[in-house]
PDB file of N, CA and C in Angstrom:
ATOM      1  N   MET A   1     249.119-126.380  83.137  1.00  0.00           N
ATOM      2  CA  MET A   1     250.170-127.222  84.018  1.00  0.00           C
ATOM      3  C   MET A   1     250.865-126.096  84.700  1.00  0.00           C
ATOM      4  N   ALA A   2     250.712-125.076  84.654  1.00  0.00           N
ATOM      5  CA  ALA A   2     251.393-123.871  85.578  1.00  0.00           C
ATOM      6  C   ALA A   2     250.774-123.638  86.726  1.00  0.00           C
ATOM      7  N   GLY A   3     249.296-123.918  86.742  1.00  0.00           N
ATOM      8  CA  GLY A   3     248.289-123.891  88.242  1.00  0.00           C
ATOM      9  C   GLY A   3     247.690-122.696  87.996  1.00  0.00           C
ATOM     10  N   LYS A   4     247.492-121.936  86.953  1.00  0.00           N
ATOM     11  CA  LYS A   4     246.771-120.450  87.108  1.00  0.00           C
ATOM     12  C   LYS A   4     245.332-121.057  86.830  1.00  0.00           C
ATOM     13  N   SER A   5     244.871-119.810  87.395  1.00  0.00           N
ATOM     14  CA  SER A   5     243.351-119.953  87.402  1.00  0.00           C
ATOM     15  C   SER A   5     242.581-119.435  85.981  1.00  0.00           C
ATOM     16  N   VAL A   6     243.457-118.520  85.703  1.00  0.00           N
ATOM     17  CA  VAL A   6     242.929-117.603  84.162  1.00  0.00           C
ATOM     18  C   VAL A   6     243.867-117.534  83.443  1.00  0.00           C
ATOM     19  N   VAL A   7     243.488-117.723  82.470  1.00  0.00           N
ATOM     20  CA  VAL A   7     244.366-117.898  81.037  1.00  0.00           C
ATOM     21  C   VAL A   7     243.778-116.555  80.186  1.00  0.00           C
ATOM     22  N   THR A   8     244.756-115.777  79.646  1.00  0.00           N
ATOM     23  CA  THR A   8     244.009-114.995  78.332  1.00  0.00           C
ATOM     24  C   THR A   8     244.922-115.318  76.998  1.00  0.00           C
ATOM     25  N   ALA A   9     243.983-115.072  76.167  1.00  0.00           N
ATOM     26  CA  ALA A   9     244.215-115.494  74.736  1.00  0.00           C
ATOM     27  C   ALA A   9     243.861-114.553  73.526  1.00  0.00           C
ATOM     28  N   PRO A  10     244.232-114.590  72.708  1.00  0.00           N
ATOM     29  CA  PRO A  10     243.425-113.324  71.436  1.00  0.00           C
ATOM     30  C   PRO A  10     242.214-113.952  71.123  1.00  0.00           C
ATOM     31  N   TYR A  11     241.299-113.205  70.602  1.00  0.00           N
ATOM     32  CA  TYR A  11     239.711-113.642  70.495  1.00  0.00           C
ATOM     33  C   TYR A  11     239.654-113.886  68.962  1.00  0.00           C
ATOM     34  N   SER A  12     238.901-114.725  68.339  1.00  0.00           N
ATOM     35  CA  SER A  12     238.357-114.923  67.067  1.00  0.00           C
ATOM     36  C   SER A  12     237.669-115.746  67.481  1.00  0.00           C
ATOM     37  N   LYS A  13     236.483-115.949  66.234  1.00  0.00           N
ATOM     38  CA  LYS A  13     235.276-116.826  66.264  1.00  0.00           C
ATOM     39  C   LYS A  13     235.534-118.170  66.131  1.00  0.00           C
ATOM     40  N   MET A  14     236.802-118.648  65.536  1.00  0.00           N
ATOM     41  CA  MET A  14     237.085-119.842  65.857  1.00  0.00           C
ATOM     42  C   MET A  14     237.605-120.284  67.322  1.00  0.00           C
ATOM     43  N   THR A  15     238.066-119.317  68.058  1.00  0.00           N
ATOM     44  CA  THR A  15     238.390-119.678  69.166  1.00  0.00           C
ATOM     45  C   THR A  15     237.124-119.799  70.260  1.00  0.00           C
ATOM     46  N   ASP A  16     236.221-118.686  69.859  1.00  0.00           N
ATOM     47  CA  ASP A  16     235.153-118.708  70.549  1.00  0.00           C
ATOM     48  C   ASP A  16     234.220-119.829  70.524  1.00  0.00           C
ATOM     49  N   ALA A  17     234.658-120.213  69.200  1.00  0.00           N
ATOM     50  CA  ALA A  17     233.061-121.902  69.038  1.00  0.00           C
ATOM     51  C   ALA A  17     234.282-122.955  69.432  1.00  0.00           C
ATOM     52  N   ILE A  18     235.558-122.963  69.772  1.00  0.00           N
ATOM     53  CA  ILE A  18     236.343-123.996  70.373  1.00  0.00           C
ATOM     54  C   ILE A  18     236.349-124.073  72.108  1.00  0.00           C
ATOM     55  N   LEU A  19     236.204-122.735  72.328  1.00  0.00           N
ATOM     56  CA  LEU A  19     236.043-122.574  73.785  1.00  0.00           C
ATOM     57  C   LEU A  19     234.699-123.038  74.172  1.00  0.00           C
ATOM     58  N   SER A  20     233.609-122.614  73.287  1.00  0.00           N
ATOM     59  CA  SER A  20     232.485-123.059  73.924  1.00  0.00           C
ATOM     60  C   SER A  20     231.991-124.679  74.026  1.00  0.00           C
ATOM     61  N   LEU A  21     232.745-125.360  73.023  1.00  0.00           N
ATOM     62  CA  LEU A  21     232.733-126.621  72.826  1.00  0.00           C
ATOM     63  C   LEU A  21     233.674-127.162  74.295  1.00  0.00           C
ATOM     64  N   LEU A  22     234.716-126.735  74.866  1.00  0.00           N
ATOM     65  CA  LEU A  22     235.517-127.305  75.653  1.00  0.00           C
ATOM     66  C   LEU A  22     234.676-127.015  77.025  1.00  0.00           C
ATOM     67  N   GLU A  23     233.699-125.855  77.213  1.00  0.00           N
ATOM     68  CA  GLU A  23     233.402-125.688  78.097  1.00  0.00           C
ATOM     69  C   GLU A  23     232.072-126.558  78.298  1.00  0.00           C
ATOM     70  N   LYS A  24     231.278-127.037  77.035  1.00  0.00           N
ATOM     71  CA  LYS A  24     230.478-128.052  77.245  1.00  0.00           C
ATOM     72  C   LYS A  24     231.068-129.257  77.795  1.00  0.00           C
ATOM     73  N   GLU A  25     232.175-129.773  77.184  1.00  0.00           N
ATOM     74  CA  GLU A  25     232.642-131.025  77.630  1.00  0.00           C
ATOM     75  C   GLU A  25     233.260-130.757  79.215  1.00  0.00           C
ATOM     76  N   GLY A  26     233.433-129.807  79.663  1.00  0.00           N
ATOM     77  CA  GLY A  26     233.873-129.770  81.031  1.00  0.00           C
ATOM     78  C   GLY A  26     235.285-129.309  81.496  1.00  0.00           C
ATOM     79  N   TYR A  27     236.122-128.989  80.228  1.00  0.00           N
ATOM     80  CA  TYR A  27     237.747-129.055  80.464  1.00  0.00           C
ATOM     81  C   TYR A  27     237.973-127.451  80.957  1.00  0.00           C
ATOM     82  N   ILE A  28     237.085-126.308  80.705  1.00  0.00           N
ATOM     83  CA  ILE A  28     237.135-125.238  81.185  1.00  0.00           C
ATOM     84  C   ILE A  28     235.703-124.680  81.909  1.00  0.00           C
ATOM     85  N   LYS A  29     235.692-123.803  82.858  1.00  0.00           N
ATOM     86  CA  LYS A  29     234.687-123.381  83.343  1.00  0.00           C
ATOM     87  C   LYS A  29     233.941-122.637  82.976  1.00  0.00           C
ATOM     88  N   SER A  30     234.644-121.396  82.290  1.00  0.00           N
ATOM     89  CA  SER A  30     233.983-120.459  81.612  1.00  0.00           C
ATOM     90  C   SER A  30     235.058-119.481  80.929  1.00  0.00           C
ATOM     91  N   PHE A  31     234.223-118.870  80.061  1.00  0.00           N
ATOM     92  CA  PHE A  31     235.323-117.747  79.106  1.00  0.00           C
ATOM     93  C   PHE A  31     234.568-116.698  79.052  1.00  0.00           C
ATOM     94  N   SER A  32     235.148-115.581  78.801  1.00  0.00           N
ATOM     95  CA  SER A  32     234.391-114.206  78.521  1.00  0.00           C
ATOM     96  C   SER A  32     235.249-113.108  77.372  1.00  0.00           C
ATOM     97  N   LYS A  33     234.751-112.719  76.701  1.00  0.00           N
ATOM     98  CA  LYS A  33     235.261-111.729  75.757  1.00  0.00           C
ATOM     99  C   LYS A  33     235.494-110.182  76.360  1.00  0.00           C
ATOM    100  N   VAL A  34     236.856-110.138  76.209  1.00  0.00           N
ATOM    101  CA  VAL A  34     237.311-108.503  76.733  1.00  0.00           C
ATOM    102  C   VAL A  34     238.057-107.758  75.832  1.00  0.00           C
ATOM    103  N   GLY A  35     237.643-106.296  75.420  1.00  0.00           N
ATOM    104  CA  GLY A  35     238.124-105.372  74.921  1.00  0.00           C
ATOM    105  C   GLY A  35     236.982-105.129  73.720  1.00  0.00           C
ATOM    106  N   LYS A  36     237.495-104.113  73.067  1.00  0.00           N
ATOM    107  CA  LYS A  36     236.785-103.733  72.076  1.00  0.00           C
ATOM    108  C   LYS A  36     237.421-103.552  70.533  1.00  0.00           C
ATOM    109  N   LYS A  37     236.241-103.588  69.657  1.00  0.00           N
ATOM    110  CA  LYS A  37     237.106-103.525  68.084  1.00  0.00           C
ATOM    111  C   LYS A  37     237.934-104.251  67.682  1.00  0.00           C
ATOM    112  N   LEU A  38     239.522-103.408  67.797  1.00  0.00           N
ATOM    113  CA  LEU A  38     240.505-104.437  67.102  1.00  0.00           C
ATOM    114  C   LEU A  38     241.354-105.136  68.174  1.00  0.00           C
ATOM    115  N   ILE A  39     241.754-104.653  69.091  1.00  0.00           N
ATOM    116  CA  ILE A  39     241.798-105.725  70.296  1.00  0.00           C
ATOM    117  C   ILE A  39     241.106-106.384  70.988  1.00  0.00           C
ATOM    118  N   LYS A  40     240.765-107.622  70.660  1.00  0.00           N
ATOM    119  CA  LYS A  40     239.753-108.195  71.568  1.00  0.00           C
ATOM    120  C   LYS A  40     240.800-109.330  72.118  1.00  0.00           C
ATOM    121  N   THR A  41     240.417-110.128  73.194  1.00  0.00           N
ATOM    122  CA  THR A  41     241.086-111.059  73.923  1.00  0.00           C
ATOM    123  C   THR A  41     239.992-111.656  75.033  1.00  0.00           C
ATOM    124  N   VAL A  42     240.182-113.041  75.208  1.00  0.00           N
ATOM    125  CA  VAL A  42     239.275-113.866  75.820  1.00  0.00           C
ATOM    126  C   VAL A  42     240.161-114.269  77.311  1.00  0.00           C
ATOM    127  N   ASP A  43     239.463-114.335  78.251  1.00  0.00           N
ATOM    128  CA  ASP A  43     239.692-114.433  79.726  1.00  0.00           C
ATOM    129  C   ASP A  43     239.195-116.075  79.816  1.00  0.00           C
ATOM    130  N   ILE A  44     240.065-116.994  79.912  1.00  0.00           N
ATOM    131  CA  ILE A  44     239.451-118.304  80.108  1.00  0.00           C
ATOM    132  C   ILE A  44     239.700-118.753  81.451  1.00  0.00           C
ATOM    133  N   GLU A  45     238.624-119.557  82.303  1.00  0.00           N
ATOM    134  CA  GLU A  45     238.892-119.936  83.487  1.00  0.00           C
ATOM    135  C   GLU A  45     238.823-121.430  83.581  1.00  0.00           C
ATOM    136  N   LEU A  46     240.105-121.965  83.850  1.00  0.00           N
ATOM    137  CA  LEU A  46     240.210-123.206  83.441  1.00  0.00           C
ATOM    138  C   LEU A  46     239.650-123.862  84.662  1.00  0.00           C
ATOM    139  N   ALA A  47     239.145-125.220  84.601  1.00  0.00           N
ATOM    140  CA  ALA A  47     238.447-126.344  85.727  1.00  0.00           C
ATOM    141  C   ALA A  47     239.552-127.020  86.102  1.00  0.00           C
ATOM    142  N   TYR A  48     239.509-127.272  87.502  1.00  0.00           N
ATOM    143  CA  TYR A  48     240.364-128.215  88.312  1.00  0.00           C
ATOM    144  C   TYR A  48     239.171-129.243  89.297  1.00  0.00           C
ATOM    145  N   ASP A  49     239.643-130.300  89.296  1.00  0.00           N
ATOM    146  CA  ASP A  49     239.056-131.045  90.228  1.00  0.00           C
ATOM    147  C   ASP A  49     239.103-130.937  91.808  1.00  0.00           C
ATOM    148  N   GLU A  50     238.158-131.781  92.547  1.00  0.00           N
ATOM    149  CA  GLU A  50     238.285-131.518  93.661  1.00  0.00           C
ATOM    150  C   GLU A  50     239.844-131.907  94.561  1.00  0.00           C
ATOM    151  N   ASN A  51     240.622-132.566  93.999  1.00  0.00           N
ATOM    152  CA  ASN A  51     242.055-132.797  94.557  1.00  0.00           C
ATOM    153  C   ASN A  51     243.096-131.434  93.888  1.00  0.00           C
ATOM    154  N   ASN A  52     242.529-130.397  93.679  1.00  0.00           N
ATOM    155  CA  ASN A  52     243.166-129.559  92.737  1.00  0.00           C
ATOM    156  C   ASN A  52     244.440-129.744  91.655  1.00  0.00           C
ATOM    157  N   SER A  53     243.731-130.892  91.204  1.00  0.00           N
ATOM    158  CA  SER A  53     244.164-131.171  89.818  1.00  0.00           C
ATOM    159  C   SER A  53     243.676-130.803  88.288  1.00  0.00           C
ATOM    160  N   PRO A  54     244.239-130.142  87.554  1.00  0.00           N
ATOM    161  CA  PRO A  54     243.489-129.657  86.252  1.00  0.00           C
ATOM    162  C   PRO A  54     243.056-130.695  85.575  1.00  0.00           C
ATOM    163  N   LYS A  55     241.772-130.150  84.670  1.00  0.00           N
ATOM    164  CA  LYS A  55     240.857-131.436  84.564  1.00  0.00           C
ATOM    165  C   LYS A  55     241.611-131.360  82.785  1.00  0.00           C
ATOM    166  N   ILE A  56     242.425-130.492  82.233  1.00  0.00           N
ATOM    167  CA  ILE A  56     242.875-130.732  80.972  1.00  0.00           C
ATOM    168  C   ILE A  56     244.385-131.094  81.447  1.00  0.00           C
ATOM    169  N   THR A  57     244.656-132.241  81.141  1.00  0.00           N
ATOM    170  CA  THR A  57     246.099-133.015  81.386  1.00  0.00           C
ATOM    171  C   THR A  57     247.201-133.283  80.610  1.00  0.00           C
ATOM    172  N   ASP A  58     246.549-132.948  79.159  1.00  0.00           N
ATOM    173  CA  ASP A  58     247.541-132.914  77.871  1.00  0.00           C
ATOM    174  C   ASP A  58     246.614-132.320  76.540  1.00  0.00           C
ATOM    175  N   VAL A  59     247.161-131.696  75.908  1.00  0.00           N
ATOM    176  CA  VAL A  59     246.588-131.390  74.123  1.00  0.00           C
ATOM    177  C   VAL A  59     247.678-131.778  73.381  1.00  0.00           C
ATOM    178  N   TYR A  60     246.948-132.203  72.094  1.00  0.00           N
ATOM    179  CA  TYR A  60     247.972-132.777  71.024  1.00  0.00           C
ATOM    180  C   TYR A  60     247.348-132.164  69.924  1.00  0.00           C
ATOM    181  N   ARG A  61     248.379-131.319  69.422  1.00  0.00           N
ATOM    182  CA  ARG A  61     247.764-130.637  67.877  1.00  0.00           C
ATOM    183  C   ARG A  61     247.697-131.636  66.825  1.00  0.00           C
ATOM    184  N   VAL A  62     247.002-132.106  66.170  1.00  0.00           N
ATOM    185  CA  VAL A  62     247.062-133.091  64.834  1.00  0.00           C
ATOM    186  C   VAL A  62     247.407-132.303  63.560  1.00  0.00           C
ATOM    187  N   SER A  63     246.590-131.042  63.162  1.00  0.00           N
ATOM    188  CA  SER A  63     246.477-130.533  62.077  1.00  0.00           C
ATOM    189  C   SER A  63     247.394-129.415  62.364  1.00  0.00           C
ATOM    190  N   LYS A  64     248.284-129.055  61.630  1.00  0.00           N
ATOM    191  CA  LYS A  64     249.456-128.287  61.503  1.00  0.00           C
ATOM    192  C   LYS A  64     249.318-127.203  60.092  1.00  0.00           C
ATOM    193  N   LEU A  65     250.083-126.132  60.170  1.00  0.00           N
ATOM    194  CA  LEU A  65     250.554-125.413  58.854  1.00  0.00           C
ATOM    195  C   LEU A  65     250.564-126.096  58.123  1.00  0.00           C
ATOM    196  N   SER A  66     251.790-126.992  58.418  1.00  0.00           N
ATOM    197  CA  SER A  66     252.716-127.692  57.428  1.00  0.00           C
ATOM    198  C   SER A  66     252.119-129.155  56.812  1.00  0.00           C
ATOM    199  N   LYS A  67     250.921-129.330  58.065  1.00  0.00           N
ATOM    200  CA  LYS A  67     250.468-130.692  57.650  1.00  0.00           C
ATOM    201  C   LYS A  67     248.973-130.715  57.971  1.00  0.00           C
ATOM    202  N   ARG A  68     248.106-130.302  57.167  1.00  0.00           N
ATOM    203  CA  ARG A  68     246.653-130.353  57.436  1.00  0.00           C
ATOM    204  C   ARG A  68     246.359-132.103  57.315  1.00  0.00           C
ATOM    205  N   VAL A  69     245.534-132.433  58.458  1.00  0.00           N
ATOM    206  CA  VAL A  69     244.880-133.541  58.390  1.00  0.00           C
ATOM    207  C   VAL A  69     243.539-133.506  58.444  1.00  0.00           C
ATOM    208  N   TYR A  70     242.993-134.420  57.371  1.00  0.00           N
ATOM    209  CA  TYR A  70     241.598-134.362  57.231  1.00  0.00           C
ATOM    210  C   TYR A  70     240.979-136.259  57.419  1.00  0.00           C
ATOM    211  N   THR A  71     239.837-136.036  58.092  1.00  0.00           N
ATOM    212  CA  THR A  71     239.036-137.622  58.101  1.00  0.00           C
ATOM    213  C   THR A  71     237.889-137.147  57.843  1.00  0.00           C
ATOM    214  N   PRO A  72     237.544-138.746  57.185  1.00  0.00           N
ATOM    215  CA  PRO A  72     236.038-138.714  56.689  1.00  0.00           C
ATOM    216  C   PRO A  72     234.970-139.031  58.286  1.00  0.00           C
ATOM    217  N   ALA A  73     233.936-138.917  58.265  1.00  0.00           N
ATOM    218  CA  ALA A  73     233.117-139.474  59.088  1.00  0.00           C
ATOM    219  C   ALA A  73     233.448-140.892  59.827  1.00  0.00           C
ATOM    220  N   LYS A  74     233.638-142.214  58.575  1.00  0.00           N
ATOM    221  CA  LYS A  74     233.657-143.429  58.731  1.00  0.00           C
ATOM    222  C   LYS A  74     235.061-143.872  59.834  1.00  0.00           C
ATOM    223  N   ASP A  75     235.860-142.585  59.882  1.00  0.00           N
ATOM    224  CA  ASP A  75     237.221-143.161  60.531  1.00  0.00           C
ATOM    225  C   ASP A  75     237.523-142.304  61.665  1.00  0.00           C
ATOM    226  N   ILE A  76     236.362-141.621  62.282  1.00  0.00           N
ATOM    227  CA  ILE A  76     236.739-141.235  63.568  1.00  0.00           C
ATOM    228  C   ILE A  76     236.659-142.223  64.759  1.00  0.00           C
ATOM    229  N   LYS A  77     237.641-142.253  65.616  1.00  0.00           N
ATOM    230  CA  LYS A  77     238.023-143.162  66.244  1.00  0.00           C
ATOM    231  C   LYS A  77     237.772-142.545  68.046  1.00  0.00           C
ATOM    232  N   PRO A  78     237.687-143.343  68.946  1.00  0.00           N
ATOM    233  CA  PRO A  78     237.550-142.411  70.296  1.00  0.00           C
ATOM    234  C   PRO A  78     239.181-142.331  70.780  1.00  0.00           C
ATOM    235  N   VAL A  79     239.351-141.318  71.670  1.00  0.00           N
ATOM    236  CA  VAL A  79     240.511-140.507  71.913  1.00  0.00           C
ATOM    237  C   VAL A  79     240.737-141.046  73.409  1.00  0.00           C
ATOM    238  N   ARG A  80     241.900-141.686  73.574  1.00  0.00           N
ATOM    239  CA  ARG A  80     241.846-142.448  74.794  1.00  0.00           C
ATOM    240  C   ARG A  80     241.090-143.208  75.242  1.00  0.00           C
ATOM    241  N   ASN A  81     240.349-144.151  74.738  1.00  0.00           N
ATOM    242  CA  ASN A  81     239.293-144.871  74.756  1.00  0.00           C
ATOM    243  C   ASN A  81     238.139-144.655  75.712  1.00  0.00           C
ATOM    244  N   GLY A  82     237.906-143.576  75.066  1.00  0.00           N
ATOM    245  CA  GLY A  82     236.735-142.547  75.303  1.00  0.00           C
ATOM    246  C   GLY A  82     237.157-141.269  76.559  1.00  0.00           C
ATOM    247  N   TYR A  83     238.229-141.305  76.683  1.00  0.00           N
ATOM    248  CA  TYR A  83     238.454-140.281  78.081  1.00  0.00           C
ATOM    249  C   TYR A  83     238.897-139.097  77.511  1.00  0.00           C
ATOM    250  N   GLY A  84     239.180-139.041  76.137  1.00  0.00           N
ATOM    251  CA  GLY A  84     239.727-137.585  75.828  1.00  0.00           C
ATOM    252  C   GLY A  84     238.579-137.250  74.675  1.00  0.00           C
ATOM    253  N   THR A  85     239.026-136.331  74.272  1.00  0.00           N
ATOM    254  CA  THR A  85     238.147-135.370  73.085  1.00  0.00           C
ATOM    255  C   THR A  85     238.854-135.283  71.818  1.00  0.00           C
ATOM    256  N   LEU A  86     238.159-135.416  70.677  1.00  0.00           N
ATOM    257  CA  LEU A  86     238.745-134.887  69.503  1.00  0.00           C
ATOM    258  C   LEU A  86     238.066-133.637  69.039  1.00  0.00           C
ATOM    259  N   VAL A  87     238.659-132.887  68.518  1.00  0.00           N
ATOM    260  CA  VAL A  87     238.266-131.507  68.170  1.00  0.00           C
ATOM    261  C   VAL A  87     238.160-131.386  66.626  1.00  0.00           C
ATOM    262  N   ILE A  88     237.243-131.234  65.709  1.00  0.00           N
ATOM    263  CA  ILE A  88     236.983-131.418  64.646  1.00  0.00           C
ATOM    264  C   ILE A  88     236.136-130.254  63.848  1.00  0.00           C
ATOM    265  N   SER A  89     236.900-129.866  62.740  1.00  0.00           N
ATOM    266  CA  SER A  89     236.354-128.689  62.029  1.00  0.00           C
ATOM    267  C   SER A  89     235.734-129.116  60.970  1.00  0.00           C
ATOM    268  N   THR A  90     234.342-128.746  60.939  1.00  0.00           N
ATOM    269  CA  THR A  90     233.612-129.424  59.694  1.00  0.00           C
ATOM    270  C   THR A  90     232.498-128.591  59.307  1.00  0.00           C
ATOM    271  N   PRO A  91     232.043-128.590  57.898  1.00  0.00           N
ATOM    272  CA  PRO A  91     231.170-127.495  57.616  1.00  0.00           C
ATOM    273  C   PRO A  91     230.152-127.544  58.489  1.00  0.00           C
ATOM    274  N   LYS A  92     229.868-127.958  59.339  1.00  0.00           N
ATOM    275  CA  LYS A  92     228.787-127.924  60.127  1.00  0.00           C
ATOM    276  C   LYS A  92     229.027-127.346  61.508  1.00  0.00           C
ATOM    277  N   GLY A  93     230.354-126.533  61.668  1.00  0.00           N
ATOM    278  CA  GLY A  93     230.887-125.995  62.727  1.00  0.00           C
ATOM    279  C   GLY A  93     232.176-126.766  63.669  1.00  0.00           C
ATOM    280  N   ILE A  94     232.422-126.399  64.495  1.00  0.00           N
ATOM    281  CA  ILE A  94     233.663-126.837  65.242  1.00  0.00           C
ATOM    282  C   ILE A  94     232.740-128.034  65.905  1.00  0.00           C
ATOM    283  N   LEU A  95     232.947-129.344  66.055  1.00  0.00           N
ATOM    284  CA  LEU A  95     232.206-130.541  66.840  1.00  0.00           C
ATOM    285  C   LEU A  95     233.337-131.240  67.316  1.00  0.00           C
ATOM    286  N   ASN A  96     232.849-132.108  68.501  1.00  0.00           N
ATOM    287  CA  ASN A  96     233.642-133.241  69.204  1.00  0.00           C
ATOM    288  C   ASN A  96     233.486-134.591  68.077  1.00  0.00           C
ATOM    289  N   GLN A  97     234.514-135.413  68.607  1.00  0.00           N
ATOM    290  CA  GLN A  97     233.903-136.593  67.666  1.00  0.00           C
ATOM    291  C   GLN A  97     232.569-137.436  67.784  1.00  0.00           C
ATOM    292  N   THR A  98     231.818-137.113  69.112  1.00  0.00           N
ATOM    293  CA  THR A  98     230.779-138.022  68.934  1.00  0.00           C
ATOM    294  C   THR A  98     229.593-137.451  68.261  1.00  0.00           C
ATOM    295  N   GLU A  99     229.559-135.873  68.407  1.00  0.00           N
ATOM    296  CA  GLU A  99     228.910-134.914  67.353  1.00  0.00           C
ATOM    297  C   GLU A  99     229.089-135.263  65.890  1.00  0.00           C
ATOM    298  N   ALA A 100     230.305-135.400  65.487  1.00  0.00           N
ATOM    299  CA  ALA A 100     230.437-135.585  64.220  1.00  0.00           C
ATOM    300  C   ALA A 100     230.092-137.225  63.446  1.00  0.00           C
ATOM    301  N   LYS A 101     230.373-138.135  64.611  1.00  0.00           N
ATOM    302  CA  LYS A 101     230.143-139.149  63.900  1.00  0.00           C
ATOM    303  C   LYS A 101     228.243-139.487  63.827  1.00  0.00           C
ATOM    304  N   LYS A 102     227.601-138.603  64.726  1.00  0.00           N
ATOM    305  CA  LYS A 102     226.261-138.990  65.009  1.00  0.00           C
ATOM    306  C   LYS A 102     225.651-138.077  63.674  1.00  0.00           C
ATOM    307  N   GLN A 103     226.452-136.878  63.530  1.00  0.00           N
ATOM    308  CA  GLN A 103     225.658-136.070  62.272  1.00  0.00           C
ATOM    309  C   GLN A 103     226.393-136.594  61.107  1.00  0.00           C
ATOM    310  N   ASN A 104     227.182-137.523  60.969  1.00  0.00           N
ATOM    311  CA  ASN A 104     227.913-138.416  59.706  1.00  0.00           C
ATOM    312  C   ASN A 104     228.455-137.151  59.048  1.00  0.00           C
ATOM    313  N   VAL A 105     229.439-136.651  59.477  1.00  0.00           N
ATOM    314  CA  VAL A 105     230.152-135.370  58.818  1.00  0.00           C
ATOM    315  C   VAL A 105     231.647-135.265  59.104  1.00  0.00           C
ATOM    316  N   GLY A 106     232.455-135.290  58.495  1.00  0.00           N
ATOM    317  CA  GLY A 106     233.961-135.274  58.771  1.00  0.00           C
ATOM    318  C   GLY A 106     234.524-133.776  58.696  1.00  0.00           C
ATOM    319  N   GLY A 107     235.943-133.817  58.601  1.00  0.00           N
ATOM    320  CA  GLY A 107     236.383-132.414  58.456  1.00  0.00           C
ATOM    321  C   GLY A 107     238.128-132.434  58.784  1.00  0.00           C
ATOM    322  N   GLU A 108     238.672-131.386  58.991  1.00  0.00           N
ATOM    323  CA  GLU A 108     239.722-131.271  59.482  1.00  0.00           C
ATOM    324  C   GLU A 108     239.846-131.511  61.099  1.00  0.00           C
ATOM    325  N   VAL A 109     240.652-132.515  61.468  1.00  0.00           N
ATOM    326  CA  VAL A 109     240.947-132.758  62.921  1.00  0.00           C
ATOM    327  C   VAL A 109     241.990-131.658  63.667  1.00  0.00           C
ATOM    328  N   LEU A 110     241.688-130.784  64.161  1.00  0.00           N
ATOM    329  CA  LEU A 110     242.327-129.817  65.024  1.00  0.00           C
ATOM    330  C   LEU A 110     243.299-130.142  65.862  1.00  0.00           C
ATOM    331  N   PHE A 111     242.846-130.883  67.331  1.00  0.00           N
ATOM    332  CA  PHE A 111     243.432-131.432  68.184  1.00  0.00           C
ATOM    333  C   PHE A 111     242.956-132.294  68.891  1.00  0.00           C
ATOM    334  N   LYS A 112     243.763-133.065  69.756  1.00  0.00           N
ATOM    335  CA  LYS A 112     243.011-134.122  70.762  1.00  0.00           C
ATOM    336  C   LYS A 112     243.186-133.429  72.309  1.00  0.00           C
ATOM    337  N   ILE A 113     242.032-133.891  72.787  1.00  0.00           N
ATOM    338  CA  ILE A 113     242.532-132.775  74.463  1.00  0.00           C
ATOM    339  C   ILE A 113     242.151-134.324  75.337  1.00  0.00           C
ATOM    340  N   TRP A 114     242.914-134.598  76.387  1.00  0.00           N
ATOM    341  CA  TRP A 114     242.218-135.244  77.530  1.00  0.00           C
ATOM    342  C   TRP A 114     242.858-134.778  78.924  1.00  0.00           C
TER     343      TRP A 114
END
């Protein structure tokens, strides 16, 4: 929303899995790991369309530290009538709603993005 082209975040394996999913979905252009040993960060290049508006318009965090939200595969619904993506942490890794439905696996609902 600030109009920045590159954002920096702390690195973890989960962040890496989420960013690779968002890159595959087209919400970010690319990301790269920076740093060694203990201090690692990720530089994320955000994606913009031809009108210079960001591809990510909003993010809604579903599962929080105070309230974890889990869903079975049969209860997974599309986000924003198919215009958004639901990111789920499953035993088979970080998946979006279509992959989780296809593999018939549920898990913790992390966030919705559109």
